[in-house]
Amino acid sequence: MSAIEPAFLYLLSHDSGVSDLIAARVYIGSRPQDERRSCLVIGPIDEDYPHTLAGDLTYVPGGVEIDCRGATQQEARTLSLAARAALDGKAGTIADCDVMLIVADSSDSSPVPVEGEGIAMFEITTHYSFWYRP
């Protein structure tokens, strides 16, 4: 587990705008197999560890995708906006992690149906960039 995953989990699960919509259904990596309710899934963390001639950089840059799943297109869109409000522009010490900044980069423009799961779900994926001190 990356050191920044608990920060994303904390921000999303403790934000009233998100928890009002999905309670505590925020998962890291994948959702439980039988989960058919709206939820958020924190995707794999992509981190870079750049070096300079002077040594390691102070903050590690990286990215993550957050999947917002809803039973309807509107539910997925509303959840995506709530997640963006909970994450975009956040900085400081979050869940014992020194976060320099979290920024929303790009998002699907409209919810897409999730295929092959036997349930009708829609998903919007938003990519976030971040910088933190490990």
Foldseek 3Di string as FASTA:
>chain_A
DDPCVQLLLQLQQVQPQNCVLPNNQEEEDDGPLPDPAWHKYKHDKAWDFDADPVGTDQKIKTKIKIKTKHLDFVSQVSNVVSSCVSFAFDAAQGPNWHWHGKHWDDKDPTWDFDPDSPGTMTIMMIMIMTITGD
